[in-house]
Amino acid sequence: MKVVFERDSVCAGDDVLAPNPIELSFDQPPFLSELLNQSVVKKYLPSISGTKTYWTVMCDGEKAAQIEHNGFPNSQAKITYLHQDRVLRIAKAFFRYEKQEPRLD
């Protein structure tokens, strides 16, 4: 099974590649937690030096998770699932950019 990730762009240079698609392959429909695991999310979301960015993940038009992503140099993602973990039979997950703010650490 294939799931495409797409996301909003975060700057003018990023617009060139928008919607920034990547394709993930799974042997069977993934659980939400498999689809949105730390390593995948940290690699996919853009790292903006010195900032935190906030994202809402949409799966089939439904809010599935919220992500707080700390950019370079110590990239970390705090993922808050908005539903119980369940199998997703979706073709696309869209990461909607909400806002960014300076990191204070």
Protein backbone atom coordinates (compact mmCIF):
# COMPACT_ATOMS: atom_id res chain seq x y z
CA MET A 1 0.00 0.00 0.00
CA LYS A 2 1.28 3.47 -0.86
CA VAL A 3 0.58 6.69 1.04
CA VAL A 4 1.60 10.09 -0.31
CA PHE A 5 2.63 12.84 2.08
CA GLU A 6 2.07 16.42 0.93
CA ARG A 7 2.54 19.65 2.85
CA ASP A 8 2.21 23.39 2.72
CA SER A 9 5.37 25.31 1.90
CA VAL A 10 7.00 27.52 4.53
CA CYS A 11 8.96 30.03 2.44
CA ALA A 12 9.34 31.31 -1.12
CA GLY A 13 12.14 28.86 -1.97
CA ASP A 14 10.02 25.99 -0.66
CA ASP A 15 7.16 27.00 -2.97
CA VAL A 16 9.10 25.67 -5.98
CA LEU A 17 8.58 22.08 -4.78
CA ALA A 18 5.09 22.50 -3.28
CA PRO A 19 3.19 20.39 -2.36
CA ASN A 20 6.48 18.58 -1.56
CA PRO A 21 5.21 15.04 -2.19
CA ILE A 22 6.89 11.88 -0.96
CA GLU A 23 5.55 8.36 -1.28
CA LEU A 24 5.75 5.80 1.52
CA SER A 25 5.15 2.08 0.99
CA PHE A 26 3.62 -0.30 3.51
CA ASP A 27 2.97 -4.05 3.26
CA GLN A 28 -0.53 -3.46 4.63
CA PRO A 29 -2.60 -0.43 5.66
CA PRO A 30 -0.61 1.29 8.44
CA PHE A 31 -1.71 2.31 11.89
CA LEU A 32 -1.72 6.07 12.47
CA SER A 33 1.29 5.68 14.79
CA GLU A 34 3.21 3.84 12.04
CA LEU A 35 2.39 6.47 9.46
CA LEU A 36 3.36 9.39 11.69
CA ASN A 37 6.37 8.03 13.56
CA GLN A 38 9.17 10.29 14.82
CA SER A 39 11.78 9.38 12.22
CA VAL A 40 9.47 9.86 9.23
CA VAL A 41 8.03 13.14 10.51
CA LYS A 42 11.45 14.62 11.38
CA LYS A 43 12.81 13.75 7.93
CA TYR A 44 9.76 15.04 6.08
CA LEU A 45 9.04 18.37 7.76
CA PRO A 46 11.30 21.28 6.85
CA SER A 47 13.78 22.43 9.48
CA ILE A 48 13.77 26.19 9.95
CA SER A 49 16.75 27.28 12.01
CA GLY A 50 15.88 28.70 15.43
CA THR A 51 12.13 28.16 15.14
CA LYS A 52 9.29 25.87 16.14
CA THR A 53 6.72 25.13 13.49
CA TYR A 54 3.21 23.84 14.14
CA TRP A 55 1.37 21.49 11.78
CA THR A 56 -2.00 19.78 11.57
CA VAL A 57 -2.05 16.43 9.79
CA MET A 58 -5.16 15.79 7.72
CA CYS A 59 -6.13 12.24 6.72
CA ASP A 60 -9.15 11.95 4.45
CA GLY A 61 -10.24 15.47 5.39
CA GLU A 62 -10.12 14.70 9.14
CA LYS A 63 -7.64 16.16 11.63
CA ALA A 64 -5.55 13.18 12.72
CA ALA A 65 -2.64 14.76 14.60
CA GLN A 66 -0.91 17.96 15.59
CA ILE A 67 2.85 18.32 15.43
CA GLU A 68 5.24 20.75 17.10
CA HIS A 69 8.51 20.56 15.16
CA ASN A 70 11.76 22.09 16.43
CA GLY A 71 14.06 22.92 13.59
CA PHE A 72 17.81 22.83 13.16
CA PRO A 73 20.14 22.17 14.99
CA ASN A 74 18.29 19.74 17.33
CA SER A 75 15.38 18.58 15.21
CA GLN A 76 12.61 17.08 17.35
CA ALA A 77 8.92 16.47 16.77
CA LYS A 78 6.21 16.33 19.42
CA ILE A 79 3.29 14.43 17.90
CA THR A 80 -0.16 14.64 19.49
CA TYR A 81 -2.61 12.11 18.06
CA LEU A 82 -6.18 13.37 18.00
CA HIS A 83 -7.75 9.89 17.82
CA GLN A 84 -7.07 6.42 19.13
CA ASP A 85 -4.47 4.55 17.14
CA ARG A 86 -6.19 2.79 14.28
CA VAL A 87 -5.54 1.36 10.84
CA LEU A 88 -5.71 3.99 8.11
CA ARG A 89 -6.81 3.12 4.61
CA ILE A 90 -5.82 6.39 3.00
CA ALA A 91 -3.94 7.39 -0.13
CA LYS A 92 -2.73 10.78 1.12
CA ALA A 93 -1.81 12.59 4.34
CA PHE A 94 -1.61 16.37 4.15
CA PHE A 95 0.50 18.41 6.59
CA ARG A 96 -1.13 21.82 6.98
CA TYR A 97 1.20 24.57 8.21
CA GLU A 98 -0.32 26.48 11.13
CA LYS A 99 2.35 28.86 12.47
CA GLN A 100 5.95 29.30 13.51
CA GLU A 101 7.55 30.97 16.49
CA PRO A 102 11.11 31.52 17.73
CA ARG A 103 12.67 28.81 19.87
CA LEU A 104 13.59 30.02 23.33
CA ASP A 105 16.02 27.23 24.27
